[in-house]
Amino acid sequence: MAATLAELLAAGDPDAFAALYDRLAFRLLGAARTLTGSVADAEDVVQDLFVELARGRARLAAVADLEAYVFTMLRNAIRRRGRRAAIDRRAVLAIAAAGQAAGSFTGSPPELPDDELAAAVAALPEAQREVVALKIDASLTFAEIAAVTGTSLNTAASRYRYALEKLRTALADQEEDR
Protein backbone atom coordinates (compact mmCIF):
# COMPACT_ATOMS: atom_id res chain seq x y z
CA MET A 1 0.00 0.00 0.00
CA ALA A 2 1.44 3.35 -1.06
CA ALA A 3 1.89 6.06 1.53
CA THR A 4 -0.29 9.16 1.26
CA LEU A 5 1.26 12.56 0.72
CA ALA A 6 0.40 13.43 4.34
CA GLU A 7 2.25 10.32 5.56
CA LEU A 8 5.26 11.14 3.41
CA LEU A 9 5.25 14.69 4.79
CA ALA A 10 5.02 13.34 8.34
CA ALA A 11 8.05 11.17 7.61
CA GLY A 12 9.97 14.28 6.49
CA ASP A 13 10.29 13.30 2.83
CA PRO A 14 11.70 16.39 1.04
CA ASP A 15 10.14 15.31 -2.26
CA ALA A 16 6.75 15.27 -0.55
CA PHE A 17 7.23 18.87 0.60
CA ALA A 18 8.23 19.85 -2.93
CA ALA A 19 5.14 18.10 -4.30
CA LEU A 20 2.88 19.86 -1.79
CA TYR A 21 4.48 23.20 -2.64
CA ASP A 22 4.07 22.59 -6.37
CA ARG A 23 0.46 21.58 -5.84
CA LEU A 24 -0.66 24.42 -3.56
CA ALA A 25 1.79 27.35 -3.65
CA PHE A 26 0.06 29.33 -6.40
CA ARG A 27 -3.35 28.97 -4.76
CA LEU A 28 -1.98 29.69 -1.28
CA LEU A 29 -0.21 32.82 -2.53
CA GLY A 30 -3.34 34.03 -4.29
CA ALA A 31 -5.54 33.54 -1.26
CA ALA A 32 -2.96 35.08 1.05
CA ARG A 33 -2.50 38.07 -1.27
CA THR A 34 -6.22 38.75 -1.24
CA LEU A 35 -6.52 38.30 2.51
CA THR A 36 -3.47 40.39 3.41
CA GLY A 37 -3.69 42.94 0.60
CA SER A 38 0.03 42.64 -0.04
CA VAL A 39 2.16 40.42 -2.25
CA ALA A 40 5.09 40.66 0.18
CA ASP A 41 2.93 39.75 3.18
CA ALA A 42 1.40 36.88 1.23
CA GLU A 43 4.83 35.51 0.37
CA ASP A 44 5.90 35.80 4.01
CA VAL A 45 2.79 34.03 5.28
CA VAL A 46 3.14 31.17 2.80
CA GLN A 47 6.82 30.75 3.59
CA ASP A 48 6.06 30.73 7.32
CA LEU A 49 3.28 28.20 6.69
CA PHE A 50 5.67 25.75 5.00
CA VAL A 51 8.19 26.19 7.79
CA GLU A 52 5.44 25.45 10.30
CA LEU A 53 4.38 22.40 8.28
CA ALA A 54 7.94 21.08 8.33
CA ARG A 55 8.38 21.71 12.04
CA GLY A 56 5.05 20.09 12.96
CA ARG A 57 5.20 17.37 10.34
CA ALA A 58 4.45 14.55 12.81
CA ARG A 59 0.85 15.84 13.08
CA LEU A 60 0.35 15.40 9.34
CA ALA A 61 0.12 11.61 9.42
CA ALA A 62 -3.36 11.87 10.96
CA VAL A 63 -4.66 14.51 8.51
CA ALA A 64 -7.53 13.24 6.37
CA ASP A 65 -7.91 16.24 4.02
CA LEU A 66 -4.48 17.74 3.47
CA GLU A 67 -5.63 20.71 1.35
CA ALA A 68 -8.28 21.75 3.86
CA TYR A 69 -5.71 21.40 6.63
CA VAL A 70 -3.15 23.57 4.83
CA PHE A 71 -5.70 26.26 3.94
CA THR A 72 -6.91 26.24 7.54
CA MET A 73 -3.30 26.78 8.60
CA LEU A 74 -3.10 29.67 6.13
CA ARG A 75 -6.26 31.21 7.52
CA ASN A 76 -4.99 30.94 11.08
CA ALA A 77 -1.56 32.34 10.17
CA ILE A 78 -3.13 35.37 8.49
CA ARG A 79 -5.37 35.98 11.48
CA ARG A 80 -2.38 35.81 13.84
CA ARG A 81 -0.46 38.15 11.55
CA GLY A 82 -3.42 40.54 11.46
CA ARG A 83 -3.65 40.61 15.26
CA ARG A 84 0.09 41.31 15.50
CA ALA A 85 -0.20 44.06 12.86
CA ALA A 86 -3.09 45.67 14.76
CA ILE A 87 -0.98 45.71 17.92
CA ASP A 88 1.92 47.19 15.96
CA ARG A 89 -0.35 49.86 14.42
CA ARG A 90 -1.65 50.86 17.85
CA ALA A 91 1.91 51.15 19.10
CA VAL A 92 2.97 53.26 16.11
CA LEU A 93 -0.05 55.53 16.53
CA ALA A 94 0.70 55.92 20.23
CA ILE A 95 4.31 56.80 19.42
CA ALA A 96 3.19 59.23 16.71
CA ALA A 97 0.70 60.87 19.08
CA ALA A 98 3.39 61.22 21.72
CA GLY A 99 5.77 62.69 19.12
CA GLN A 100 3.18 65.20 17.93
CA ALA A 101 2.36 66.16 21.51
CA ALA A 102 6.06 66.78 22.11
CA GLY A 103 6.36 68.73 18.85
CA SER A 104 8.72 66.20 17.26
CA PHE A 105 6.92 66.07 13.96
CA THR A 106 3.65 67.09 12.37
CA GLY A 107 1.35 65.77 9.72
CA SER A 108 0.03 62.34 9.01
CA PRO A 109 1.63 59.46 7.18
CA PRO A 110 1.17 59.65 3.42
CA GLU A 111 -1.56 57.52 1.91
CA LEU A 112 -0.39 54.89 -0.51
CA PRO A 113 -2.11 54.48 -3.88
CA ASP A 114 -4.30 51.40 -4.07
CA ASP A 115 -5.94 49.45 -6.84
CA GLU A 116 -9.72 49.99 -6.85
CA LEU A 117 -10.53 46.30 -6.78
CA ALA A 118 -8.04 45.61 -4.00
CA ALA A 119 -9.55 48.49 -2.01
CA ALA A 120 -13.06 47.14 -2.59
CA VAL A 121 -11.98 43.64 -1.51
CA ALA A 122 -10.22 45.06 1.54
CA ALA A 123 -13.43 46.87 2.50
CA LEU A 124 -15.39 43.61 2.65
CA PRO A 125 -16.13 42.12 6.06
CA GLU A 126 -13.39 39.65 7.01
CA ALA A 127 -15.58 36.56 6.62
CA GLN A 128 -16.61 37.57 3.09
CA ARG A 129 -13.07 38.58 2.09
CA GLU A 130 -11.85 35.21 3.33
CA VAL A 131 -14.40 33.27 1.24
CA VAL A 132 -13.55 35.33 -1.85
CA ALA A 133 -9.85 34.57 -1.40
CA LEU A 134 -10.44 30.87 -0.86
CA LYS A 135 -12.86 30.62 -3.81
CA ILE A 136 -11.06 32.77 -6.38
CA ASP A 137 -7.41 32.62 -5.44
CA ALA A 138 -7.25 29.17 -3.89
CA SER A 139 -9.84 27.61 -6.27
CA LEU A 140 -11.53 25.77 -3.40
CA THR A 141 -15.07 24.46 -3.73
CA PHE A 142 -17.73 25.74 -1.36
CA ALA A 143 -17.57 22.39 0.46
CA GLU A 144 -13.81 22.84 0.94
CA ILE A 145 -14.30 26.45 2.03
CA ALA A 146 -16.88 25.31 4.56
CA ALA A 147 -14.38 22.80 5.94
CA VAL A 148 -11.59 25.37 6.13
CA THR A 149 -13.73 28.06 7.79
CA GLY A 150 -15.75 25.73 10.00
CA THR A 151 -19.05 26.88 8.53
CA SER A 152 -21.83 25.21 6.58
CA LEU A 153 -21.81 24.89 2.81
CA ASN A 154 -24.73 27.34 2.59
CA THR A 155 -22.94 29.90 4.76
CA ALA A 156 -19.82 29.71 2.59
CA ALA A 157 -21.86 30.15 -0.59
CA SER A 158 -23.92 33.00 0.90
CA ARG A 159 -20.83 34.87 2.06
CA TYR A 160 -19.40 34.59 -1.44
CA ARG A 161 -22.63 35.79 -3.05
CA TYR A 162 -22.92 38.76 -0.66
CA ALA A 163 -19.27 39.64 -1.23
CA LEU A 164 -19.73 39.68 -5.00
CA GLU A 165 -22.80 41.91 -4.65
CA LYS A 166 -20.83 44.36 -2.47
CA LEU A 167 -17.91 44.33 -4.89
CA ARG A 168 -20.19 45.05 -7.86
CA THR A 169 -21.81 47.94 -5.99
CA ALA A 170 -18.50 49.38 -4.80
CA LEU A 171 -16.91 49.21 -8.24
CA ALA A 172 -20.02 50.67 -9.91
CA ASP A 173 -19.98 53.56 -7.40
CA GLN A 174 -16.30 54.20 -8.15
CA GLU A 175 -17.06 54.21 -11.87
CA GLU A 176 -19.88 56.75 -11.38
CA ASP A 177 -17.58 59.00 -9.35
CA ARG A 178 -15.20 59.42 -12.29
C-alpha atoms as a PDB file:
ATOM      1  CA  MET A   1       0.000   0.000   0.000  1.00  0.00           C
ATOM      2  CA  ALA A   2       1.445   3.352  -1.062  1.00  0.00           C
ATOM      3  CA  ALA A   3       1.887   6.057   1.527  1.00  0.00           C
ATOM      4  CA  THR A   4      -0.286   9.160   1.257  1.00  0.00           C
ATOM      5  CA  LEU A   5       1.256  12.564   0.724  1.00  0.00           C
ATOM      6  CA  ALA A   6       0.400  13.430   4.337  1.00  0.00           C
ATOM      7  CA  GLU A   7       2.246  10.320   5.561  1.00  0.00           C
ATOM      8  CA  LEU A   8       5.262  11.143   3.413  1.00  0.00           C
ATOM      9  CA  LEU A   9       5.245  14.687   4.786  1.00  0.00           C
ATOM     10  CA  ALA A  10       5.018  13.344   8.336  1.00  0.00           C
ATOM     11  CA  ALA A  11       8.055  11.173   7.613  1.00  0.00           C
ATOM     12  CA  GLY A  12       9.967  14.279   6.486  1.00  0.00           C
ATOM     13  CA  ASP A  13      10.295  13.295   2.826  1.00  0.00           C
ATOM     14  CA  PRO A  14      11.702  16.392   1.041  1.00  0.00           C
ATOM     15  CA  ASP A  15      10.142  15.314  -2.262  1.00  0.00           C
ATOM     16  CA  ALA A  16       6.747  15.274  -0.549  1.00  0.00           C
ATOM     17  CA  PHE A  17       7.226  18.874   0.599  1.00  0.00           C
ATOM     18  CA  ALA A  18       8.235  19.850  -2.931  1.00  0.00           C
ATOM     19  CA  ALA A  19       5.138  18.096  -4.304  1.00  0.00           C
ATOM     20  CA  LEU A  20       2.883  19.855  -1.791  1.00  0.00           C
ATOM     21  CA  TYR A  21       4.476  23.200  -2.641  1.00  0.00           C
ATOM     22  CA  ASP A  22       4.067  22.590  -6.372  1.00  0.00           C
ATOM     23  CA  ARG A  23       0.456  21.578  -5.843  1.00  0.00           C
ATOM     24  CA  LEU A  24      -0.657  24.419  -3.555  1.00  0.00           C
ATOM     25  CA  ALA A  25       1.788  27.346  -3.645  1.00  0.00           C
ATOM     26  CA  PHE A  26       0.063  29.326  -6.401  1.00  0.00           C
ATOM     27  CA  ARG A  27      -3.354  28.973  -4.759  1.00  0.00           C
ATOM     28  CA  LEU A  28      -1.983  29.692  -1.282  1.00  0.00           C
ATOM     29  CA  LEU A  29      -0.205  32.821  -2.526  1.00  0.00           C
ATOM     30  CA  GLY A  30      -3.335  34.033  -4.294  1.00  0.00           C
ATOM     31  CA  ALA A  31      -5.542  33.543  -1.265  1.00  0.00           C
ATOM     32  CA  ALA A  32      -2.958  35.075   1.050  1.00  0.00           C
ATOM     33  CA  ARG A  33      -2.504  38.068  -1.271  1.00  0.00           C
ATOM     34  CA  THR A  34      -6.222  38.752  -1.238  1.00  0.00           C
ATOM     35  CA  LEU A  35      -6.516  38.300   2.511  1.00  0.00           C
ATOM     36  CA  THR A  36      -3.469  40.390   3.410  1.00  0.00           C
ATOM     37  CA  GLY A  37      -3.694  42.940   0.597  1.00  0.00           C
ATOM     38  CA  SER A  38       0.027  42.636  -0.041  1.00  0.00           C
ATOM     39  CA  VAL A  39       2.158  40.418  -2.245  1.00  0.00           C
ATOM     40  CA  ALA A  40       5.085  40.657   0.177  1.00  0.00           C
ATOM     41  CA  ASP A  41       2.931  39.749   3.181  1.00  0.00           C
ATOM     42  CA  ALA A  42       1.397  36.880   1.234  1.00  0.00           C
ATOM     43  CA  GLU A  43       4.826  35.507   0.373  1.00  0.00           C
ATOM     44  CA  ASP A  44       5.899  35.800   4.013  1.00  0.00           C
ATOM     45  CA  VAL A  45       2.788  34.033   5.284  1.00  0.00           C
ATOM     46  CA  VAL A  46       3.140  31.170   2.800  1.00  0.00           C
ATOM     47  CA  GLN A  47       6.821  30.754   3.590  1.00  0.00           C
ATOM     48  CA  ASP A  48       6.057  30.726   7.317  1.00  0.00           C
ATOM     49  CA  LEU A  49       3.282  28.198   6.690  1.00  0.00           C
ATOM     50  CA  PHE A  50       5.666  25.754   4.995  1.00  0.00           C
ATOM     51  CA  VAL A  51       8.193  26.187   7.790  1.00  0.00           C
ATOM     52  CA  GLU A  52       5.438  25.452  10.302  1.00  0.00           C
ATOM     53  CA  LEU A  53       4.375  22.397   8.281  1.00  0.00           C
ATOM     54  CA  ALA A  54       7.940  21.077   8.328  1.00  0.00           C
ATOM     55  CA  ARG A  55       8.376  21.707  12.038  1.00  0.00           C
ATOM     56  CA  GLY A  56       5.052  20.094  12.961  1.00  0.00           C
ATOM     57  CA  ARG A  57       5.197  17.371  10.336  1.00  0.00           C
ATOM     58  CA  ALA A  58       4.451  14.549  12.806  1.00  0.00           C
ATOM     59  CA  ARG A  59       0.855  15.836  13.080  1.00  0.00           C
ATOM     60  CA  LEU A  60       0.351  15.402   9.344  1.00  0.00           C
ATOM     61  CA  ALA A  61       0.119  11.606   9.417  1.00  0.00           C
ATOM     62  CA  ALA A  62      -3.361  11.871  10.962  1.00  0.00           C
ATOM     63  CA  VAL A  63      -4.663  14.507   8.513  1.00  0.00           C
ATOM     64  CA  ALA A  64      -7.532  13.240   6.366  1.00  0.00           C
ATOM     65  CA  ASP A  65      -7.911  16.241   4.016  1.00  0.00           C
ATOM     66  CA  LEU A  66      -4.475  17.745   3.471  1.00  0.00           C
ATOM     67  CA  GLU A  67      -5.627  20.706   1.354  1.00  0.00           C
ATOM     68  CA  ALA A  68      -8.284  21.747   3.856  1.00  0.00           C
ATOM     69  CA  TYR A  69      -5.709  21.402   6.634  1.00  0.00           C
ATOM     70  CA  VAL A  70      -3.149  23.574   4.830  1.00  0.00           C
ATOM     71  CA  PHE A  71      -5.702  26.258   3.938  1.00  0.00           C
ATOM     72  CA  THR A  72      -6.909  26.242   7.545  1.00  0.00           C
ATOM     73  CA  MET A  73      -3.296  26.784   8.603  1.00  0.00           C
ATOM     74  CA  LEU A  74      -3.096  29.673   6.128  1.00  0.00           C
ATOM     75  CA  ARG A  75      -6.262  31.215   7.521  1.00  0.00           C
ATOM     76  CA  ASN A  76      -4.989  30.941  11.081  1.00  0.00           C
ATOM     77  CA  ALA A  77      -1.564  32.342  10.169  1.00  0.00           C
ATOM     78  CA  ILE A  78      -3.131  35.366   8.487  1.00  0.00           C
ATOM     79  CA  ARG A  79      -5.373  35.984  11.484  1.00  0.00           C
ATOM     80  CA  ARG A  80      -2.383  35.814  13.839  1.00  0.00           C
ATOM     81  CA  ARG A  81      -0.460  38.155  11.554  1.00  0.00           C
ATOM     82  CA  GLY A  82      -3.419  40.544  11.465  1.00  0.00           C
ATOM     83  CA  ARG A  83      -3.645  40.613  15.256  1.00  0.00           C
ATOM     84  CA  ARG A  84       0.088  41.307  15.495  1.00  0.00           C
ATOM     85  CA  ALA A  85      -0.202  44.061  12.860  1.00  0.00           C
ATOM     86  CA  ALA A  86      -3.086  45.671  14.756  1.00  0.00           C
ATOM     87  CA  ILE A  87      -0.984  45.710  17.924  1.00  0.00           C
ATOM     88  CA  ASP A  88       1.919  47.194  15.957  1.00  0.00           C
ATOM     89  CA  ARG A  89      -0.353  49.860  14.417  1.00  0.00           C
ATOM     90  CA  ARG A  90      -1.651  50.862  17.847  1.00  0.00           C
ATOM     91  CA  ALA A  91       1.909  51.147  19.101  1.00  0.00           C
ATOM     92  CA  VAL A  92       2.975  53.260  16.112  1.00  0.00           C
ATOM     93  CA  LEU A  93      -0.053  55.530  16.533  1.00  0.00           C
ATOM     94  CA  ALA A  94       0.699  55.920  20.229  1.00  0.00           C
ATOM     95  CA  ILE A  95       4.313  56.804  19.424  1.00  0.00           C
ATOM     96  CA  ALA A  96       3.195  59.231  16.711  1.00  0.00           C
ATOM     97  CA  ALA A  97       0.697  60.867  19.076  1.00  0.00           C
ATOM     98  CA  ALA A  98       3.390  61.220  21.716  1.00  0.00           C
ATOM     99  CA  GLY A  99       5.766  62.689  19.117  1.00  0.00           C
ATOM    100  CA  GLN A 100       3.176  65.204  17.931  1.00  0.00           C
ATOM    101  CA  ALA A 101       2.363  66.159  21.511  1.00  0.00           C
ATOM    102  CA  ALA A 102       6.059  66.776  22.112  1.00  0.00           C
ATOM    103  CA  GLY A 103       6.362  68.727  18.852  1.00  0.00           C
ATOM    104  CA  SER A 104       8.723  66.203  17.255  1.00  0.00           C
ATOM    105  CA  PHE A 105       6.916  66.067  13.963  1.00  0.00           C
ATOM    106  CA  THR A 106       3.648  67.085  12.365  1.00  0.00           C
ATOM    107  CA  GLY A 107       1.349  65.773   9.717  1.00  0.00           C
ATOM    108  CA  SER A 108       0.033  62.338   9.014  1.00  0.00           C
ATOM    109  CA  PRO A 109       1.631  59.455   7.179  1.00  0.00           C
ATOM    110  CA  PRO A 110       1.167  59.648   3.421  1.00  0.00           C
ATOM    111  CA  GLU A 111      -1.565  57.525   1.910  1.00  0.00           C
ATOM    112  CA  LEU A 112      -0.394  54.891  -0.507  1.00  0.00           C
ATOM    113  CA  PRO A 113      -2.107  54.483  -3.883  1.00  0.00           C
ATOM    114  CA  ASP A 114      -4.305  51.405  -4.070  1.00  0.00           C
ATOM    115  CA  ASP A 115      -5.940  49.450  -6.838  1.00  0.00           C
ATOM    116  CA  GLU A 116      -9.719  49.985  -6.853  1.00  0.00           C
ATOM    117  CA  LEU A 117     -10.525  46.301  -6.784  1.00  0.00           C
ATOM    118  CA  ALA A 118      -8.041  45.612  -3.998  1.00  0.00           C
ATOM    119  CA  ALA A 119      -9.547  48.489  -2.014  1.00  0.00           C
ATOM    120  CA  ALA A 120     -13.063  47.140  -2.593  1.00  0.00           C
ATOM    121  CA  VAL A 121     -11.980  43.643  -1.508  1.00  0.00           C
ATOM    122  CA  ALA A 122     -10.216  45.063   1.545  1.00  0.00           C
ATOM    123  CA  ALA A 123     -13.434  46.872   2.504  1.00  0.00           C
ATOM    124  CA  LEU A 124     -15.388  43.606   2.650  1.00  0.00           C
ATOM    125  CA  PRO A 125     -16.135  42.118   6.056  1.00  0.00           C
ATOM    126  CA  GLU A 126     -13.387  39.654   7.008  1.00  0.00           C
ATOM    127  CA  ALA A 127     -15.576  36.562   6.620  1.00  0.00           C
ATOM    128  CA  GLN A 128     -16.611  37.571   3.092  1.00  0.00           C
ATOM    129  CA  ARG A 129     -13.067  38.576   2.090  1.00  0.00           C
ATOM    130  CA  GLU A 130     -11.846  35.212   3.327  1.00  0.00           C
ATOM    131  CA  VAL A 131     -14.400  33.273   1.245  1.00  0.00           C
ATOM    132  CA  VAL A 132     -13.550  35.329  -1.851  1.00  0.00           C
ATOM    133  CA  ALA A 133      -9.852  34.574  -1.396  1.00  0.00           C
ATOM    134  CA  LEU A 134     -10.445  30.869  -0.864  1.00  0.00           C
ATOM    135  CA  LYS A 135     -12.856  30.618  -3.810  1.00  0.00           C
ATOM    136  CA  ILE A 136     -11.063  32.767  -6.377  1.00  0.00           C
ATOM    137  CA  ASP A 137      -7.406  32.624  -5.438  1.00  0.00           C
ATOM    138  CA  ALA A 138      -7.254  29.166  -3.893  1.00  0.00           C
ATOM    139  CA  SER A 139      -9.843  27.605  -6.267  1.00  0.00           C
ATOM    140  CA  LEU A 140     -11.525  25.767  -3.405  1.00  0.00           C
ATOM    141  CA  THR A 141     -15.068  24.460  -3.728  1.00  0.00           C
ATOM    142  CA  PHE A 142     -17.728  25.740  -1.357  1.00  0.00           C
ATOM    143  CA  ALA A 143     -17.566  22.389   0.456  1.00  0.00           C
ATOM    144  CA  GLU A 144     -13.808  22.840   0.943  1.00  0.00           C
ATOM    145  CA  ILE A 145     -14.302  26.454   2.026  1.00  0.00           C
ATOM    146  CA  ALA A 146     -16.884  25.311   4.555  1.00  0.00           C
ATOM    147  CA  ALA A 147     -14.377  22.796   5.938  1.00  0.00           C
ATOM    148  CA  VAL A 148     -11.592  25.373   6.130  1.00  0.00           C
ATOM    149  CA  THR A 149     -13.730  28.059   7.786  1.00  0.00           C
ATOM    150  CA  GLY A 150     -15.748  25.734  10.001  1.00  0.00           C
ATOM    151  CA  THR A 151     -19.053  26.878   8.531  1.00  0.00           C
ATOM    152  CA  SER A 152     -21.829  25.212   6.583  1.00  0.00           C
ATOM    153  CA  LEU A 153     -21.814  24.886   2.808  1.00  0.00           C
ATOM    154  CA  ASN A 154     -24.734  27.342   2.595  1.00  0.00           C
ATOM    155  CA  THR A 155     -22.939  29.902   4.755  1.00  0.00           C
ATOM    156  CA  ALA A 156     -19.819  29.712   2.591  1.00  0.00           C
ATOM    157  CA  ALA A 157     -21.865  30.152  -0.589  1.00  0.00           C
ATOM    158  CA  SER A 158     -23.920  33.000   0.900  1.00  0.00           C
ATOM    159  CA  ARG A 159     -20.831  34.871   2.064  1.00  0.00           C
ATOM    160  CA  TYR A 160     -19.405  34.585  -1.436  1.00  0.00           C
ATOM    161  CA  ARG A 161     -22.632  35.794  -3.055  1.00  0.00           C
ATOM    162  CA  TYR A 162     -22.923  38.765  -0.659  1.00  0.00           C
ATOM    163  CA  ALA A 163     -19.270  39.641  -1.225  1.00  0.00           C
ATOM    164  CA  LEU A 164     -19.730  39.683  -4.997  1.00  0.00           C
ATOM    165  CA  GLU A 165     -22.800  41.912  -4.651  1.00  0.00           C
ATOM    166  CA  LYS A 166     -20.830  44.357  -2.465  1.00  0.00           C
ATOM    167  CA  LEU A 167     -17.913  44.335  -4.895  1.00  0.00           C
ATOM    168  CA  ARG A 168     -20.193  45.049  -7.864  1.00  0.00           C
ATOM    169  CA  THR A 169     -21.808  47.939  -5.993  1.00  0.00           C
ATOM    170  CA  ALA A 170     -18.500  49.382  -4.799  1.00  0.00           C
ATOM    171  CA  LEU A 171     -16.912  49.207  -8.236  1.00  0.00           C
ATOM    172  CA  ALA A 172     -20.021  50.675  -9.913  1.00  0.00           C
ATOM    173  CA  ASP A 173     -19.979  53.560  -7.398  1.00  0.00           C
ATOM    174  CA  GLN A 174     -16.304  54.202  -8.151  1.00  0.00           C
ATOM    175  CA  GLU A 175     -17.060  54.208 -11.870  1.00  0.00           C
ATOM    176  CA  GLU A 176     -19.877  56.752 -11.385  1.00  0.00           C
ATOM    177  CA  ASP A 177     -17.582  59.004  -9.354  1.00  0.00           C
ATOM    178  CA  ARG A 178     -15.202  59.420 -12.294  1.00  0.00           C
END
